[in-house]
Protein backbone atom coordinates (compact mmCIF):
# COMPACT_ATOMS: atom_id res chain seq x y z
CA MET A 1 13.64 -159.65 194.96
CA GLU A 2 11.08 -161.95 193.42
CA GLY A 3 8.45 -160.58 195.83
CA ALA A 4 9.31 -157.02 194.79
CA VAL A 5 8.93 -157.88 191.13
CA ARG A 6 5.57 -159.49 191.85
CA LYS A 7 4.36 -156.32 193.58
CA LEU A 8 5.36 -154.21 190.61
CA GLN A 9 3.73 -156.64 188.23
CA PHE A 10 0.48 -156.88 190.20
CA PRO A 11 -0.19 -153.54 191.88
CA PRO A 12 -3.23 -153.14 194.13
CA VAL A 13 -6.34 -151.94 192.38
CA CYS A 14 -6.37 -148.68 194.31
CA ALA A 15 -2.93 -147.84 192.88
CA LEU A 16 -4.02 -148.16 189.26
CA ARG A 17 -4.69 -145.23 187.00
CA PRO A 18 -8.36 -144.47 186.27
CA ILE A 19 -9.75 -147.08 183.92
CA PRO A 20 -11.96 -145.84 181.06
CA ALA A 21 -15.41 -147.39 181.39
CA THR A 22 -15.58 -148.43 177.74
CA MET A 23 -12.28 -150.35 177.94
CA TYR A 24 -13.35 -152.13 181.11
CA LEU A 25 -16.69 -153.11 179.56
CA ASP A 26 -15.14 -154.19 176.27
CA HIS A 27 -12.72 -156.47 178.14
CA TYR A 28 -15.63 -158.53 179.49
CA GLY A 29 -18.04 -158.00 176.58
CA LEU A 30 -20.52 -155.98 178.65
CA ARG A 31 -23.02 -153.33 177.61
CA GLU A 32 -23.02 -151.63 181.04
CA PRO A 33 -21.51 -152.13 184.50
CA PRO A 34 -23.17 -155.17 186.09
CA PHE A 35 -22.52 -154.40 189.75
CA SER A 36 -23.44 -150.76 190.24
CA ILE A 37 -24.81 -150.00 193.71
CA THR A 38 -27.50 -147.63 192.43
CA PRO A 39 -31.00 -149.12 192.96
CA ASP A 40 -31.82 -149.89 189.32
CA PRO A 41 -35.02 -152.02 189.17
CA ARG A 42 -33.78 -153.67 185.94
CA PHE A 43 -31.09 -155.46 187.94
CA VAL A 44 -33.33 -156.56 190.78
CA PHE A 45 -32.87 -160.23 191.65
CA LEU A 46 -36.00 -161.53 193.35
CA SER A 47 -35.00 -164.28 195.72
CA GLU A 48 -37.79 -166.02 197.59
CA ARG A 49 -37.48 -163.61 200.49
CA HIS A 50 -37.43 -160.59 198.15
CA ARG A 51 -40.60 -161.83 196.46
CA ASP A 52 -42.27 -162.20 199.84
CA ALA A 53 -41.16 -158.70 200.82
CA LEU A 54 -42.52 -157.21 197.59
CA ALA A 55 -45.80 -159.05 198.12
CA HIS A 56 -46.08 -157.41 201.54
CA LEU A 57 -45.53 -153.97 200.03
CA LEU A 58 -48.02 -154.54 197.21
CA TYR A 59 -50.54 -155.77 199.76
CA GLY A 60 -50.11 -152.53 201.65
CA ILE A 61 -50.95 -150.49 198.57
CA GLY A 62 -53.47 -152.62 196.75
CA GLN A 63 -55.49 -154.30 199.49
CA GLY A 64 -54.50 -152.71 202.74
CA GLY A 65 -57.14 -149.98 202.78
CA GLY A 66 -58.47 -150.99 206.16
CA SER A 67 -55.04 -151.05 207.77
CA GLY A 68 -52.53 -148.50 208.91
CA PHE A 69 -48.90 -149.51 208.43
CA VAL A 70 -46.73 -151.95 206.51
CA GLN A 71 -43.21 -152.44 207.89
CA LEU A 72 -40.20 -153.74 205.95
CA THR A 73 -36.87 -154.07 207.75
CA GLY A 74 -33.49 -155.49 206.83
CA GLU A 75 -29.78 -155.08 207.39
CA VAL A 76 -27.90 -152.35 205.54
CA GLY A 77 -27.47 -153.30 201.89
CA THR A 78 -30.04 -156.12 201.73
CA GLY A 79 -32.13 -154.36 199.07
CA LYS A 80 -34.88 -152.41 200.83
CA THR A 81 -34.48 -149.24 198.76
CA THR A 82 -34.18 -151.24 195.55
CA LEU A 83 -37.44 -153.01 196.38
CA SER A 84 -39.12 -149.66 196.96
CA ARG A 85 -38.03 -148.52 193.49
CA LEU A 86 -39.39 -151.74 192.01
CA LEU A 87 -42.60 -151.13 193.90
CA LEU A 88 -42.94 -147.69 192.32
CA GLU A 89 -42.77 -149.32 188.89
CA GLN A 90 -45.60 -151.70 189.78
CA LEU A 91 -48.00 -149.20 191.30
CA PRO A 92 -51.69 -149.63 190.50
CA ALA A 93 -53.05 -147.00 188.14
CA ASN A 94 -55.13 -145.48 190.93
CA ALA A 95 -52.23 -145.07 193.38
CA ARG A 96 -50.54 -141.80 194.31
CA VAL A 97 -47.34 -142.02 196.32
CA ALA A 98 -45.43 -139.63 198.57
CA LEU A 99 -41.84 -140.89 198.95
CA ILE A 100 -39.78 -139.52 201.85
CA LEU A 101 -36.08 -140.32 201.47
CA ASN A 102 -34.76 -138.10 204.25
CA PRO A 103 -36.71 -138.71 207.48
CA LEU A 104 -34.47 -136.51 209.66
CA LEU A 105 -37.28 -133.98 209.91
CA SER A 106 -39.38 -132.38 212.60
CA PRO A 107 -43.11 -133.22 212.61
CA VAL A 108 -43.92 -129.95 210.83
CA GLU A 109 -41.16 -130.44 208.24
CA LEU A 110 -42.34 -134.00 207.67
CA LEU A 111 -45.89 -132.84 206.95
CA GLU A 112 -44.57 -130.16 204.60
CA ALA A 113 -42.53 -132.80 202.73
CA VAL A 114 -45.56 -135.10 202.41
CA CYS A 115 -47.71 -132.26 201.07
CA GLU A 116 -45.03 -131.26 198.57
CA GLU A 117 -44.72 -134.88 197.34
CA LEU A 118 -48.50 -134.95 196.77
CA HIS A 119 -48.42 -131.53 195.06
CA ILE A 120 -50.62 -129.91 197.69
CA ALA A 121 -50.42 -126.13 197.76
CA ILE A 122 -49.15 -125.13 201.21
CA ASP A 123 -48.21 -121.50 200.66
CA GLY A 124 -49.27 -119.60 203.75
CA ARG A 125 -49.55 -122.84 205.76
CA ARG A 126 -45.86 -123.58 206.32
CA GLY A 127 -44.95 -123.96 209.96
CA ASN A 128 -48.60 -124.34 210.98
CA LEU A 129 -49.24 -127.94 212.02
CA LYS A 130 -53.04 -127.71 212.05
CA ALA A 131 -53.20 -125.94 208.68
CA LEU A 132 -50.96 -128.60 207.11
CA VAL A 133 -53.06 -131.46 208.50
CA ASP A 134 -56.25 -129.77 207.28
CA ALA A 135 -54.81 -129.36 203.79
CA LEU A 136 -53.66 -132.97 203.69
CA ASN A 137 -57.02 -134.23 204.98
CA ALA A 138 -58.91 -132.26 202.32
CA HIS A 139 -56.63 -133.70 199.61
CA LEU A 140 -57.09 -137.26 200.89
CA LEU A 141 -60.89 -136.90 201.00
CA GLU A 142 -60.90 -135.60 197.44
CA ALA A 143 -58.64 -138.46 196.30
CA HIS A 144 -60.90 -141.02 198.01
CA ALA A 145 -63.96 -139.55 196.33
CA THR A 146 -62.33 -140.05 192.93
CA GLY A 147 -61.20 -143.63 193.66
CA LEU A 148 -57.51 -142.88 194.25
CA ARG A 149 -55.30 -144.62 196.82
CA VAL A 150 -52.72 -142.42 198.53
CA VAL A 151 -49.61 -144.08 199.93
CA LEU A 152 -46.81 -142.63 202.05
CA ILE A 153 -43.46 -144.48 201.83
CA VAL A 154 -40.78 -143.51 204.37
CA ASP A 155 -37.30 -144.85 203.62
CA GLU A 156 -34.66 -145.11 206.37
CA ALA A 157 -37.52 -144.88 208.86
CA GLN A 158 -35.25 -145.86 211.76
CA ASN A 159 -34.05 -142.24 211.66
CA LEU A 160 -37.50 -140.84 212.44
CA SER A 161 -37.67 -139.11 215.80
CA PRO A 162 -40.30 -140.28 218.33
CA ALA A 163 -42.19 -137.03 217.70
CA ALA A 164 -42.17 -137.61 213.92
CA LEU A 165 -43.30 -141.23 214.41
CA GLU A 166 -46.16 -140.04 216.58
CA GLN A 167 -47.15 -137.52 213.92
CA ILE A 168 -47.17 -140.30 211.33
CA ARG A 169 -49.38 -142.39 213.62
CA LEU A 170 -51.82 -139.51 213.92
CA LEU A 171 -52.07 -139.39 210.12
CA THR A 172 -53.76 -142.81 210.24
CA ASN A 173 -56.64 -141.09 212.05
CA LEU A 174 -57.51 -139.45 208.74
CA GLU A 175 -60.27 -141.82 207.68
CA THR A 176 -63.81 -142.27 206.54
CA ALA A 177 -66.36 -144.43 208.30
CA THR A 178 -65.07 -147.51 206.47
CA GLN A 179 -61.52 -146.92 205.26
CA LYS A 180 -58.20 -145.29 206.08
CA LEU A 181 -57.39 -142.45 203.73
CA LEU A 182 -53.61 -142.87 203.88
CA GLN A 183 -51.63 -146.12 203.66
CA ILE A 184 -48.17 -145.86 205.24
CA ILE A 185 -45.14 -148.05 204.46
CA LEU A 186 -42.06 -147.85 206.69
CA LEU A 187 -38.72 -149.11 205.35
CA GLY A 188 -35.84 -149.29 207.78
CA GLN A 189 -32.93 -151.07 209.36
CA PRO A 190 -33.44 -153.54 212.25
CA GLU A 191 -33.21 -150.63 214.69
CA LEU A 192 -36.70 -149.64 213.53
CA ARG A 193 -38.16 -152.75 215.15
CA GLU A 194 -36.39 -151.93 218.39
CA GLN A 195 -37.67 -148.37 218.24
CA LEU A 196 -41.27 -149.45 217.67
CA ALA A 197 -41.03 -151.91 220.58
CA ARG A 198 -40.69 -149.00 223.02
CA PRO A 199 -43.71 -148.65 225.34
CA GLU A 200 -44.40 -145.06 224.32
CA LEU A 201 -44.82 -146.15 220.69
CA ARG A 202 -47.07 -149.16 221.34
CA GLN A 203 -50.08 -147.45 219.77
CA LEU A 204 -48.19 -147.17 216.49
CA ALA A 205 -46.86 -150.74 216.75
CA GLN A 206 -50.40 -152.06 217.21
CA ARG A 207 -51.41 -150.49 213.89
CA ILE A 208 -48.75 -152.34 211.90
CA THR A 209 -50.70 -155.01 210.05
CA ALA A 210 -47.93 -156.48 207.86
CA ARG A 211 -44.29 -156.91 208.83
CA TYR A 212 -41.40 -158.45 206.94
CA HIS A 213 -37.69 -158.73 207.72
CA LEU A 214 -35.34 -159.08 204.75
CA ASP A 215 -32.46 -161.48 205.46
CA PRO A 216 -29.15 -161.64 203.55
CA LEU A 217 -28.86 -164.10 200.66
CA ASP A 218 -27.67 -167.64 201.22
CA SER A 219 -24.78 -169.12 199.22
CA ALA A 220 -26.90 -170.42 196.32
CA GLU A 221 -28.85 -167.16 196.12
CA SER A 222 -25.65 -165.13 196.08
CA GLU A 223 -24.40 -167.02 193.01
CA ALA A 224 -27.78 -166.69 191.29
CA TYR A 225 -27.77 -162.96 192.12
CA LEU A 226 -24.32 -162.44 190.56
CA ARG A 227 -25.20 -164.43 187.45
CA HIS A 228 -28.48 -162.53 187.05
CA ARG A 229 -26.82 -159.12 187.13
CA TRP A 230 -24.08 -160.34 184.79
CA ALA A 231 -26.67 -161.49 182.26
CA VAL A 232 -28.70 -158.25 182.49
CA ALA A 233 -25.52 -156.27 181.75
CA GLY A 234 -24.99 -158.30 178.58
CA GLY A 235 -22.19 -160.52 179.81
CA GLY A 236 -21.31 -163.83 178.18
CA ALA A 237 -19.11 -166.33 180.01
CA PHE A 238 -19.42 -165.83 183.77
CA PRO A 239 -16.04 -164.50 184.97
CA PHE A 240 -16.01 -165.77 188.59
CA ALA A 241 -14.64 -169.21 189.36
CA HIS A 242 -16.88 -171.36 191.54
CA ALA A 243 -14.48 -171.16 194.49
CA ALA A 244 -14.33 -167.38 194.07
CA VAL A 245 -18.13 -167.16 194.23
CA ARG A 246 -18.13 -169.06 197.52
CA ARG A 247 -15.40 -166.79 198.84
CA LEU A 248 -17.30 -163.70 197.65
CA HIS A 249 -20.46 -164.84 199.44
CA ARG A 250 -18.52 -165.39 202.64
CA ARG A 251 -16.68 -162.09 202.52
CA ALA A 252 -19.91 -160.19 201.76
CA SER A 253 -22.03 -162.26 204.20
CA GLY A 254 -24.69 -162.52 201.51
CA ILE A 255 -25.43 -158.77 201.55
CA PRO A 256 -26.23 -157.66 197.98
CA ARG A 257 -24.56 -154.26 198.26
CA LEU A 258 -21.30 -155.80 199.45
CA LEU A 259 -21.54 -158.44 196.74
CA ASN A 260 -21.76 -155.62 194.19
CA VAL A 261 -18.87 -153.60 195.62
CA ILE A 262 -16.45 -156.53 195.94
CA ALA A 263 -17.40 -158.02 192.57
CA GLU A 264 -16.94 -154.68 190.82
CA ARG A 265 -13.50 -154.18 192.33
CA ALA A 266 -12.48 -157.75 191.44
CA LEU A 267 -13.50 -157.20 187.81
CA LEU A 268 -11.46 -154.00 187.67
CA ALA A 269 -8.47 -155.88 189.04
CA GLY A 270 -8.97 -158.63 186.48
CA TYR A 271 -9.05 -156.11 183.64
CA ALA A 272 -5.97 -154.29 184.94
CA ARG A 273 -4.05 -157.57 185.01
CA GLY A 274 -5.38 -158.92 181.75
CA GLU A 275 -7.31 -161.78 183.38
CA ARG A 276 -10.78 -162.84 182.29
CA VAL A 277 -11.42 -165.30 185.13
CA VAL A 278 -11.52 -164.05 188.71
CA GLY A 279 -10.16 -166.59 191.19
CA GLU A 280 -10.01 -166.70 194.97
CA ARG A 281 -6.71 -164.79 195.23
CA LEU A 282 -7.93 -161.88 193.14
CA LEU A 283 -11.26 -161.89 194.96
CA ASP A 284 -9.58 -161.74 198.35
CA GLU A 285 -7.37 -158.84 197.28
CA ALA A 286 -10.41 -156.92 196.07
CA ALA A 287 -12.35 -157.66 199.27
CA ASN A 288 -9.42 -156.56 201.43
CA GLU A 289 -9.42 -153.20 199.64
CA VAL A 290 -13.11 -152.39 199.83
CA LEU A 291 -14.06 -153.85 203.22
CA ALA A 292 -13.21 -152.24 206.53
CA PRO A 293 -9.59 -153.02 207.43
CA ARG A 294 -9.07 -155.84 209.86
CA THR A 295 -6.28 -156.26 212.33
CA ARG A 296 -3.68 -158.51 210.77
CA SER A 297 -3.32 -161.75 212.65
CA ARG A 298 0.06 -162.92 213.85
CA ARG A 299 0.97 -166.54 213.33
CA TRP A 300 1.82 -167.12 216.97
CA ILE A 301 -1.65 -166.13 218.21
CA LEU A 302 -3.41 -169.38 217.37
CA PRO A 303 -0.87 -171.79 218.96
CA VAL A 304 -0.74 -169.65 222.10
CA PHE A 305 -4.53 -169.51 222.20
CA VAL A 306 -4.83 -173.30 221.86
CA VAL A 307 -2.26 -173.91 224.60
CA ALA A 308 -3.91 -171.36 226.90
CA THR A 309 -7.30 -172.92 226.28
CA ALA A 310 -5.99 -176.39 227.09
CA LEU A 311 -4.36 -175.15 230.31
CA ALA A 312 -7.55 -173.34 231.36
CA ALA A 313 -9.63 -176.45 230.71
CA TRP A 314 -7.15 -178.64 232.65
CA VAL A 315 -7.21 -176.29 235.65
CA THR A 316 -10.99 -175.93 235.77
CA VAL A 317 -12.15 -179.41 234.83
CA ASP A 318 -11.20 -180.96 238.20
CA ARG A 319 -13.19 -178.38 240.15
CA PHE A 320 -16.07 -178.41 237.68
CA GLU A 321 -16.37 -182.19 237.40
CA SER A 322 -17.70 -182.60 240.93
CA HIS A 323 -20.46 -180.10 240.20
CA ARG A 324 -21.56 -181.33 236.78
CA TRP A 325 -25.16 -182.37 236.46
CA PRO A 326 -25.89 -185.77 234.86
CA SER A 327 -27.06 -185.63 231.27
CA LYS A 328 -27.99 -189.20 230.36
CA ASP A 329 -31.38 -189.03 232.13
CA VAL A 330 -32.62 -186.18 229.95
CA ALA A 331 -35.63 -187.22 227.89
CA PRO A 332 -35.24 -186.53 224.13
CA THR A 333 -37.70 -183.77 223.40
CA HIS A 334 -37.56 -180.62 221.31
CA ALA A 335 -38.44 -177.91 223.84
CA HIS A 336 -39.47 -177.70 227.47
CA GLY A 337 -40.96 -175.21 229.87
CA ALA A 338 -40.95 -175.25 233.64
CA ALA A 339 -44.34 -176.91 233.88
CA THR A 340 -44.15 -179.27 230.91
CA ALA A 341 -41.10 -181.47 231.43
CA ALA A 342 -41.88 -184.76 233.19
CA ARG A 343 -38.59 -186.37 234.12
CA PRO A 344 -37.47 -189.62 235.75
CA ALA A 345 -36.03 -189.41 239.21
CA VAL A 346 -32.30 -188.82 239.42
CA ALA A 347 -30.28 -191.37 241.34
CA PRO A 348 -29.12 -190.01 244.73
CA ALA A 349 -25.49 -190.66 243.84
CA LYS A 350 -25.78 -188.19 240.95
CA VAL A 351 -27.38 -185.36 242.89
CA GLN A 352 -25.14 -182.40 243.59
CA PRO A 353 -24.12 -182.48 247.28
CA ALA A 354 -25.84 -179.83 249.38
CA ARG A 355 -22.57 -178.61 250.86
CA HIS A 356 -21.50 -177.17 247.51
CA SER A 357 -22.43 -173.57 246.82
CA PRO A 358 -23.69 -172.69 243.31
CA THR A 359 -20.99 -170.06 243.09
CA ALA A 360 -18.35 -172.79 243.25
CA ILE A 361 -18.95 -173.65 239.59
CA THR A 362 -16.11 -172.53 237.38
CA VAL A 363 -17.48 -170.33 234.63
CA PRO A 364 -15.44 -168.92 231.73
CA PRO A 365 -14.75 -165.21 232.19
CA ALA A 366 -17.28 -162.68 230.99
CA VAL A 367 -16.83 -160.81 227.76
CA THR A 368 -14.57 -157.80 227.95
CA ALA A 369 -15.62 -154.24 227.15
CA SER A 370 -13.98 -154.37 223.73
CA PRO A 371 -14.39 -157.55 221.66
CA PRO A 372 -11.18 -159.06 220.26
CA PRO A 373 -10.29 -158.50 216.59
CA PRO A 374 -11.78 -161.13 214.25
CA ILE A 375 -9.77 -164.23 213.47
CA ASP A 376 -9.74 -165.38 209.86
CA ASP A 377 -11.71 -168.39 208.64
CA GLY A 378 -8.63 -170.62 208.53
CA GLN A 379 -7.86 -169.95 212.19
CA PHE A 380 -11.47 -170.59 213.12
CA ALA A 381 -11.45 -173.92 211.25
CA THR A 382 -8.20 -174.92 212.95
CA TRP A 383 -9.62 -174.02 216.32
CA LEU A 384 -12.73 -176.12 215.66
CA ASN A 385 -10.69 -179.15 214.63
CA THR A 386 -8.12 -179.00 217.42
CA THR A 387 -10.17 -177.89 220.42
CA HIS A 388 -12.77 -179.96 222.22
CA VAL A 389 -15.08 -177.43 223.86
CA ASP A 390 -16.59 -178.83 227.03
CA THR A 391 -20.40 -178.88 226.99
CA GLY A 392 -20.69 -178.33 230.72
CA LEU A 393 -18.52 -175.22 230.73
CA ALA A 394 -20.49 -173.63 227.90
CA TRP A 395 -23.80 -174.46 229.59
CA ALA A 396 -22.54 -173.06 232.91
CA ARG A 397 -21.69 -169.80 231.15
CA LEU A 398 -25.18 -169.53 229.63
CA ILE A 399 -27.05 -170.09 232.89
CA ALA A 400 -24.68 -167.67 234.66
CA LEU A 401 -25.71 -164.94 232.21
CA TRP A 402 -29.31 -165.44 233.40
CA SER A 403 -28.30 -165.70 237.06
CA ILE A 404 -29.87 -169.15 237.24
CA ARG A 405 -28.74 -171.33 240.13
CA PRO A 406 -27.64 -174.89 239.41
CA ASP A 407 -30.11 -176.07 242.05
CA ASP A 408 -32.95 -174.84 239.79
CA ILE A 409 -32.01 -177.34 237.06
CA ASP A 410 -32.38 -181.13 237.10
CA SER A 411 -29.52 -181.68 234.68
CA ALA A 412 -26.98 -179.70 232.67
CA SER A 413 -27.22 -181.21 229.21
CA PRO A 414 -28.16 -178.43 226.78
CA SER A 415 -29.40 -180.78 224.08
CA PRO A 416 -32.18 -181.57 224.58
CA CYS A 417 -33.37 -178.93 227.00
CA PRO A 418 -33.14 -179.69 230.72
CA ALA A 419 -36.07 -179.69 233.11
CA PHE A 420 -36.30 -176.73 235.47
CA LYS A 421 -37.29 -177.06 239.11
CA ALA A 422 -38.09 -173.36 239.49
CA PRO A 423 -41.19 -171.95 237.72
CA GLY A 424 -40.79 -169.23 235.13
CA LEU A 425 -37.77 -170.78 233.38
CA PHE A 426 -38.14 -171.96 229.79
CA CYS A 427 -35.91 -173.53 227.17
CA THR A 428 -36.08 -174.29 223.46
CA ASN A 429 -33.67 -175.79 220.97
CA GLY A 430 -33.52 -176.81 217.34
CA ARG A 431 -31.95 -175.67 214.07
CA GLN A 432 -32.28 -172.06 212.90
CA ARG A 433 -30.30 -169.53 210.87
CA LEU A 434 -28.34 -166.87 212.69
CA SER A 435 -30.64 -164.22 211.22
CA LEU A 436 -33.58 -165.64 213.18
CA LEU A 437 -31.54 -166.21 216.32
CA ALA A 438 -30.55 -162.55 216.11
CA GLN A 439 -34.22 -161.58 216.36
CA PHE A 440 -34.50 -163.30 219.74
CA ASP A 441 -31.75 -160.91 220.88
CA ARG A 442 -30.63 -163.28 223.65
CA PRO A 443 -27.41 -165.20 224.30
CA VAL A 444 -27.64 -168.61 222.65
CA LEU A 445 -25.76 -171.85 223.17
CA LEU A 446 -24.52 -172.91 219.72
CA LYS A 447 -23.71 -176.47 218.71
CA LEU A 448 -20.97 -176.29 216.08
CA ARG A 449 -19.68 -178.95 213.70
CA ALA A 450 -16.03 -179.55 214.54
CA GLY A 451 -14.58 -182.46 212.60
CA GLY A 452 -15.62 -185.69 214.31
CA HIS A 453 -17.05 -184.07 217.43
CA PRO A 454 -19.38 -181.18 218.31
CA ALA A 455 -18.08 -177.97 219.81
CA TRP A 456 -20.12 -175.66 222.01
CA ALA A 457 -19.98 -171.87 222.25
CA VAL A 458 -22.19 -169.15 223.68
CA LEU A 459 -23.24 -166.52 221.16
CA LEU A 460 -22.80 -163.16 222.91
CA GLY A 461 -23.08 -160.66 220.06
CA LEU A 462 -23.87 -160.27 216.37
CA GLY A 463 -23.16 -157.67 213.74
CA THR A 464 -23.79 -157.54 210.03
CA THR A 465 -20.68 -159.58 209.18
CA GLN A 466 -19.26 -160.76 212.52
CA GLY A 467 -20.24 -162.78 215.57
CA LEU A 468 -18.88 -162.74 219.13
CA VAL A 469 -18.77 -166.14 220.85
CA GLN A 470 -17.74 -167.25 224.34
CA VAL A 471 -15.55 -170.35 224.39
CA ASP A 472 -13.40 -172.11 226.95
CA GLY A 473 -10.91 -169.55 228.16
CA GLY A 474 -12.23 -166.38 226.53
CA THR A 475 -14.02 -164.88 223.55
CA LEU A 476 -13.58 -165.02 219.78
CA THR A 477 -14.77 -162.68 217.06
CA VAL A 478 -15.43 -164.70 213.90
CA HIS A 479 -16.97 -164.03 210.52
CA ARG A 480 -20.72 -164.54 210.66
CA SER A 481 -20.79 -166.59 207.47
CA ALA A 482 -18.10 -168.95 208.82
CA LEU A 483 -20.14 -169.41 211.99
CA GLU A 484 -23.27 -170.08 209.93
CA ASP A 485 -21.43 -172.73 207.90
CA VAL A 486 -20.70 -174.90 210.97
CA LEU A 487 -23.89 -174.19 212.94
CA GLU A 488 -25.71 -177.44 213.69
CA GLY A 489 -28.17 -176.41 216.40
CA TYR A 490 -28.91 -174.07 219.25
CA THR A 491 -30.27 -174.03 222.77
CA MET A 492 -31.87 -170.92 224.28
CA ILE A 493 -33.22 -170.26 227.75
CA GLY A 494 -35.19 -167.40 229.22
CA ARG A 495 -37.49 -166.25 231.98
CA GLY A 496 -41.23 -165.76 231.71
CA PRO A 497 -44.29 -165.40 233.93
CA ARG A 498 -44.28 -167.99 236.71
CA GLU A 499 -47.92 -168.84 236.06
CA LEU A 500 -47.36 -169.99 232.46
CA VAL A 501 -47.90 -173.66 231.63
CA LEU A 502 -46.76 -174.50 228.09
CA PRO A 503 -47.87 -175.26 225.48
CA ILE A 504 -50.95 -173.00 225.27
CA ARG A 505 -53.47 -174.02 222.62
CA HIS A 506 -56.85 -173.02 221.25
CA GLY A 507 -59.54 -173.50 223.89
CA ASP A 508 -57.20 -173.33 226.90
CA THR A 509 -58.04 -171.12 229.87
CA GLY A 510 -56.22 -169.85 232.93
CA PRO A 511 -53.79 -167.13 234.01
CA GLY A 512 -51.36 -167.99 231.22
CA VAL A 513 -54.02 -167.29 228.60
CA ASP A 514 -54.91 -164.04 230.36
CA TRP A 515 -51.25 -162.98 230.26
CA LEU A 516 -51.00 -163.88 226.59
CA ARG A 517 -54.16 -161.92 225.75
CA HIS A 518 -52.85 -158.88 227.59
CA ARG A 519 -49.55 -159.23 225.74
CA LEU A 520 -50.97 -159.52 222.22
CA LEU A 521 -54.31 -157.74 222.47
CA PRO A 522 -53.67 -154.88 224.90
CA THR A 523 -56.23 -152.21 225.66
CA SER A 524 -55.66 -149.15 223.48
CA ALA A 525 -56.84 -145.58 223.66
CA SER A 526 -59.28 -146.22 220.80
CA SER A 527 -60.90 -149.15 222.66
CA PRO A 528 -60.83 -148.29 226.37
CA GLU A 529 -62.94 -151.30 227.39
CA PRO A 530 -60.85 -154.24 228.67
CA THR A 531 -60.54 -157.13 226.24
CA ALA A 532 -62.61 -160.19 227.12
CA ARG A 533 -60.77 -162.62 229.36
CA GLY A 534 -60.82 -166.33 229.88
CA SER A 535 -60.30 -168.47 226.79
CA PHE A 536 -57.76 -168.90 224.04
CA ASP A 537 -60.27 -167.96 221.35
CA ASP A 538 -60.03 -167.46 217.58
CA ALA A 539 -58.98 -163.81 217.91
CA LEU A 540 -56.08 -164.73 220.17
CA VAL A 541 -55.05 -167.60 217.89
CA ALA A 542 -54.99 -165.15 214.95
CA ALA A 543 -52.84 -162.73 216.97
CA VAL A 544 -50.41 -165.54 217.88
CA ARG A 545 -50.13 -166.65 214.25
CA LEU A 546 -49.48 -163.08 213.11
CA ALA A 547 -46.74 -162.69 215.72
CA GLN A 548 -45.18 -166.02 214.70
CA ARG A 549 -45.29 -165.11 211.02
CA ASP A 550 -43.71 -161.70 211.68
CA PHE A 551 -40.92 -163.35 213.64
CA GLY A 552 -40.24 -166.04 211.03
CA LEU A 553 -41.62 -168.98 213.02
CA ARG A 554 -44.10 -171.59 211.84
CA PRO A 555 -47.53 -169.93 212.31
CA ASP A 556 -49.31 -172.83 214.04
CA GLY A 557 -51.11 -170.67 216.61
CA VAL A 558 -49.67 -172.71 219.51
CA VAL A 559 -47.55 -170.98 222.16
CA GLY A 560 -44.59 -173.17 223.05
CA PRO A 561 -41.23 -172.13 224.49
CA GLU A 562 -39.91 -170.86 221.13
CA THR A 563 -42.93 -168.61 220.55
CA LEU A 564 -42.86 -167.45 224.17
CA LEU A 565 -39.19 -166.44 223.97
CA ALA A 566 -39.92 -164.67 220.67
CA LEU A 567 -42.73 -162.68 222.31
CA MET A 568 -40.38 -161.66 225.11
CA ALA A 569 -37.41 -160.82 222.90
CA SER A 570 -37.82 -157.06 223.38
CA ASP A 571 -38.26 -157.22 227.16
CA PRO A 572 -35.48 -155.32 228.93
CA ASP A 573 -35.07 -157.96 231.65
CA GLY A 574 -32.30 -160.49 231.20
CA PRO A 575 -29.20 -160.51 228.97
CA HIS A 576 -29.32 -159.36 225.35
CA LEU A 577 -26.99 -159.87 222.40
CA ARG A 578 -24.25 -157.33 222.04
CA LYS A 579 -24.48 -155.07 218.98
CA LEU A 580 -21.06 -155.26 217.31
CA GLN A 581 -19.62 -152.11 215.77
CA GLU A 582 -17.96 -153.07 212.47
């Protein structure tokens, strides 16, 4: 009966009658709604990564006359469109912009839309590709003669068809002897990077001179973002308790749009219940209403899972123990390639007996076709604190995904990297955010903080708010922010050319340098002569630094295992991270 009264007293927000905007604002002392999802430049919060992204866009307009494309990517809701609106407010006086918001167009329709944005008369030219290009070219030449810069901005560019992308590339051929007539900025979701990595679009990809990927906000930035918008809207005392802010960041995974939606609903709930301070309980109720529904967990799932995991480990450990590789002889180093790791000899007693087949190693089962429903953060924390995940089992799962034989590895300790006997195998480890690990698009061995001991899991998939990990006995779907909170390190392996000897530095020569030059400075249709071979020269160093900067790595111009695996992230060979549908 008490529970029924509580439900009547505190109805869900969705069940409330429409709330007049003025009453809601008066309750909190606001001039206007602080968390609207419309891209209003007045509310823009420029985190460090947003400032960098805006600098890339301004570079494309103000100083990118000799280049072709500027690319800005980011997850849904990270602020790409808002940044484009802010960009429009900061345009140089001599800039003219064509903004395409709906890229689901044919090449002819796209050209018509560009001409209409630039106020070019196209009557009688509609449907005629050559006539439209001629009209656009004449307009661009006239603008150049009068000192104007013309910029084309395409939002949601991941929706462009290959034919439309090719047409956009051809527009960069409109040029004078010294300068491009049209600067093009592509804004899109991460799928845009995958699309431009396709071989048939390599000519366009080679013309992208500035790239930037916009990551979600971290915990401190999320709080600063909320406080900034609250102040712009005229708010006084900040209404969210500190614990509620942390919970809001976690539920929204640092994505500004989700922060806005959940915060707005929480404020409405607070007004409806006469509360001026939003706590964790109210925040969770609001998040549960606005986020995609999750399968409700049953209390018996976790104990059964723990027991099943323990039984699976007990059954497999006896068989696995005789095949484990020794780990104490691994030299402490950050990253190793096949030709770089010099290791002490392993005692004969520790060598795996020849009679054992590599297939005898017990490996946790592969991920199923449909990932399990996500467990809540409390269950994940309990699992971390009550389960000791065996390092060897996790490592065996990772090498099995690459079809690497145990005989090709000197030892099985994932941290630091092992030495490989077979050429063409490389490994790197360290500390990185999940957003960067996602760019590698490869399964990763994660070292997680679990009370007084580390736990190990293989990252199999990532979505905007969730992660899929392989653990002893099966797979778990967990919130991405919860996984980020306990992430202490990673180990990643991959395959590369057998002739590579890492690291590769300025002045080096050999087949590895030739491969790297072909990878980063390929022959294009505009320069049919083969690129000079032989040395790791200044041009190749500059190309390596640009690739490292685009990927988010330290641009030192040296190709080690981490840079190599980044360069090969888009290669189809080998396992890739699963894209989670949320």
